[in-house]
């Protein structure tokens, strides 16, 4: 968040996304626990899924935004 404001990236709604993120992740993780019979499989899947969405997709979005400007 400090980098968004420090570099004046113009992402005014980014703070709201970071504040709303736990309210989406917690119910998603709870729902995933019922899809798997083994707790460790549910935890591993959820961690990799969140890594993919938060890590890779945000980097891809940033790269496409920079390259298209």
C-alpha atoms as a PDB file:
ATOM      1  CA  UNK A   1       0.000   0.000   0.000  1.00  0.00           C
ATOM      2  CA  UNK A   2       2.847   2.362   0.781  1.00  0.00           C
ATOM      3  CA  UNK A   3       4.288   1.763  -2.687  1.00  0.00           C
ATOM      4  CA  UNK A   4       0.981   2.643  -4.351  1.00  0.00           C
ATOM      5  CA  UNK A   5       0.883   5.986  -2.607  1.00  0.00           C
ATOM      6  CA  UNK A   6       4.646   6.537  -2.640  1.00  0.00           C
ATOM      7  CA  UNK A   7       4.980   6.151  -6.390  1.00  0.00           C
ATOM      8  CA  UNK A   8       1.604   7.795  -7.097  1.00  0.00           C
ATOM      9  CA  UNK A   9       0.482   4.955  -9.340  1.00  0.00           C
ATOM     10  CA  UNK A  10      -3.089   6.215  -9.535  1.00  0.00           C
ATOM     11  CA  UNK A  11      -4.619   3.054  -8.093  1.00  0.00           C
ATOM     12  CA  UNK A  12      -7.132   4.768  -5.847  1.00  0.00           C
ATOM     13  CA  UNK A  13      -9.245   1.672  -5.217  1.00  0.00           C
ATOM     14  CA  UNK A  14      -6.327  -0.636  -4.357  1.00  0.00           C
ATOM     15  CA  UNK A  15      -6.606   0.001  -0.621  1.00  0.00           C
ATOM     16  CA  UNK A  16     -10.231  -1.160  -0.665  1.00  0.00           C
ATOM     17  CA  UNK A  17      -9.209  -4.393  -2.378  1.00  0.00           C
ATOM     18  CA  UNK A  18      -6.580  -5.133   0.244  1.00  0.00           C
ATOM     19  CA  UNK A  19      -9.033  -4.417   3.049  1.00  0.00           C
ATOM     20  CA  UNK A  20     -11.724  -6.650   1.488  1.00  0.00           C
ATOM     21  CA  UNK A  21      -9.360  -9.525   0.716  1.00  0.00           C
ATOM     22  CA  UNK A  22      -9.608 -11.325   4.104  1.00  0.00           C
ATOM     23  CA  UNK A  23     -13.405 -11.267   3.918  1.00  0.00           C
ATOM     24  CA  UNK A  24     -13.203 -13.265   0.695  1.00  0.00           C
ATOM     25  CA  UNK A  25     -10.320 -15.579   1.518  1.00  0.00           C
ATOM     26  CA  UNK A  26     -11.670 -16.839   4.839  1.00  0.00           C
ATOM     27  CA  UNK A  27     -15.039 -18.119   3.468  1.00  0.00           C
ATOM     28  CA  UNK A  28     -13.277 -19.544   0.396  1.00  0.00           C
ATOM     29  CA  UNK A  29     -10.841 -21.486   2.576  1.00  0.00           C
ATOM     30  CA  UNK A  30     -13.703 -22.743   4.740  1.00  0.00           C
ATOM     31  CA  UNK A  31     -15.643 -23.923   1.676  1.00  0.00           C
ATOM     32  CA  UNK A  32     -12.562 -25.673   0.268  1.00  0.00           C
ATOM     33  CA  UNK A  33     -12.207 -27.675   3.468  1.00  0.00           C
ATOM     34  CA  UNK A  34     -15.436 -29.510   2.583  1.00  0.00           C
ATOM     35  CA  UNK A  35     -14.344 -30.376  -0.961  1.00  0.00           C
ATOM     36  CA  UNK A  36     -11.394 -32.462   0.178  1.00  0.00           C
ATOM     37  CA  UNK A  37     -11.342 -35.493   2.425  1.00  0.00           C
ATOM     38  CA  UNK A  38      -7.805 -34.826   3.679  1.00  0.00           C
ATOM     39  CA  UNK A  39      -7.105 -31.574   5.493  1.00  0.00           C
ATOM     40  CA  UNK A  40      -3.570 -31.264   4.155  1.00  0.00           C
ATOM     41  CA  UNK A  41      -4.787 -31.570   0.553  1.00  0.00           C
ATOM     42  CA  UNK A  42      -7.295 -28.755   1.085  1.00  0.00           C
ATOM     43  CA  UNK A  43      -4.657 -26.567   2.690  1.00  0.00           C
ATOM     44  CA  UNK A  44      -2.120 -27.223  -0.060  1.00  0.00           C
ATOM     45  CA  UNK A  45      -4.629 -26.554  -2.828  1.00  0.00           C
ATOM     46  CA  UNK A  46      -5.835 -23.352  -1.170  1.00  0.00           C
ATOM     47  CA  UNK A  47      -2.313 -22.032  -0.644  1.00  0.00           C
ATOM     48  CA  UNK A  48      -1.274 -22.728  -4.243  1.00  0.00           C
ATOM     49  CA  UNK A  49      -4.511 -21.254  -5.581  1.00  0.00           C
ATOM     50  CA  UNK A  50      -4.030 -18.056  -3.567  1.00  0.00           C
ATOM     51  CA  UNK A  51      -0.403 -17.869  -4.663  1.00  0.00           C
ATOM     52  CA  UNK A  52      -1.484 -18.176  -8.292  1.00  0.00           C
ATOM     53  CA  UNK A  53      -4.229 -15.588  -8.071  1.00  0.00           C
ATOM     54  CA  UNK A  54      -2.430 -13.069  -5.858  1.00  0.00           C
ATOM     55  CA  UNK A  55       1.118 -13.575  -7.076  1.00  0.00           C
ATOM     56  CA  UNK A  56       1.050 -14.499 -10.714  1.00  0.00           C
ATOM     57  CA  UNK A  57      -2.162 -12.849 -11.887  1.00  0.00           C
ATOM     58  CA  UNK A  58      -1.367  -9.519 -10.212  1.00  0.00           C
ATOM     59  CA  UNK A  59       2.095  -9.530 -11.798  1.00  0.00           C
ATOM     60  CA  UNK A  60       0.567 -10.326 -15.173  1.00  0.00           C
ATOM     61  CA  UNK A  61      -1.998  -7.549 -14.780  1.00  0.00           C
ATOM     62  CA  UNK A  62       0.710  -5.068 -13.804  1.00  0.00           C
ATOM     63  CA  UNK A  63       2.869  -6.088 -16.763  1.00  0.00           C
ATOM     64  CA  UNK A  64       0.014  -5.739 -19.216  1.00  0.00           C
ATOM     65  CA  UNK A  65      -0.949  -2.381 -17.744  1.00  0.00           C
ATOM     66  CA  UNK A  66       2.599  -1.051 -18.080  1.00  0.00           C
ATOM     67  CA  UNK A  67       3.076  -2.406 -21.599  1.00  0.00           C
ATOM     68  CA  UNK A  68      -0.216  -0.981 -22.867  1.00  0.00           C
ATOM     69  CA  UNK A  69       0.361   2.545 -21.512  1.00  0.00           C
END
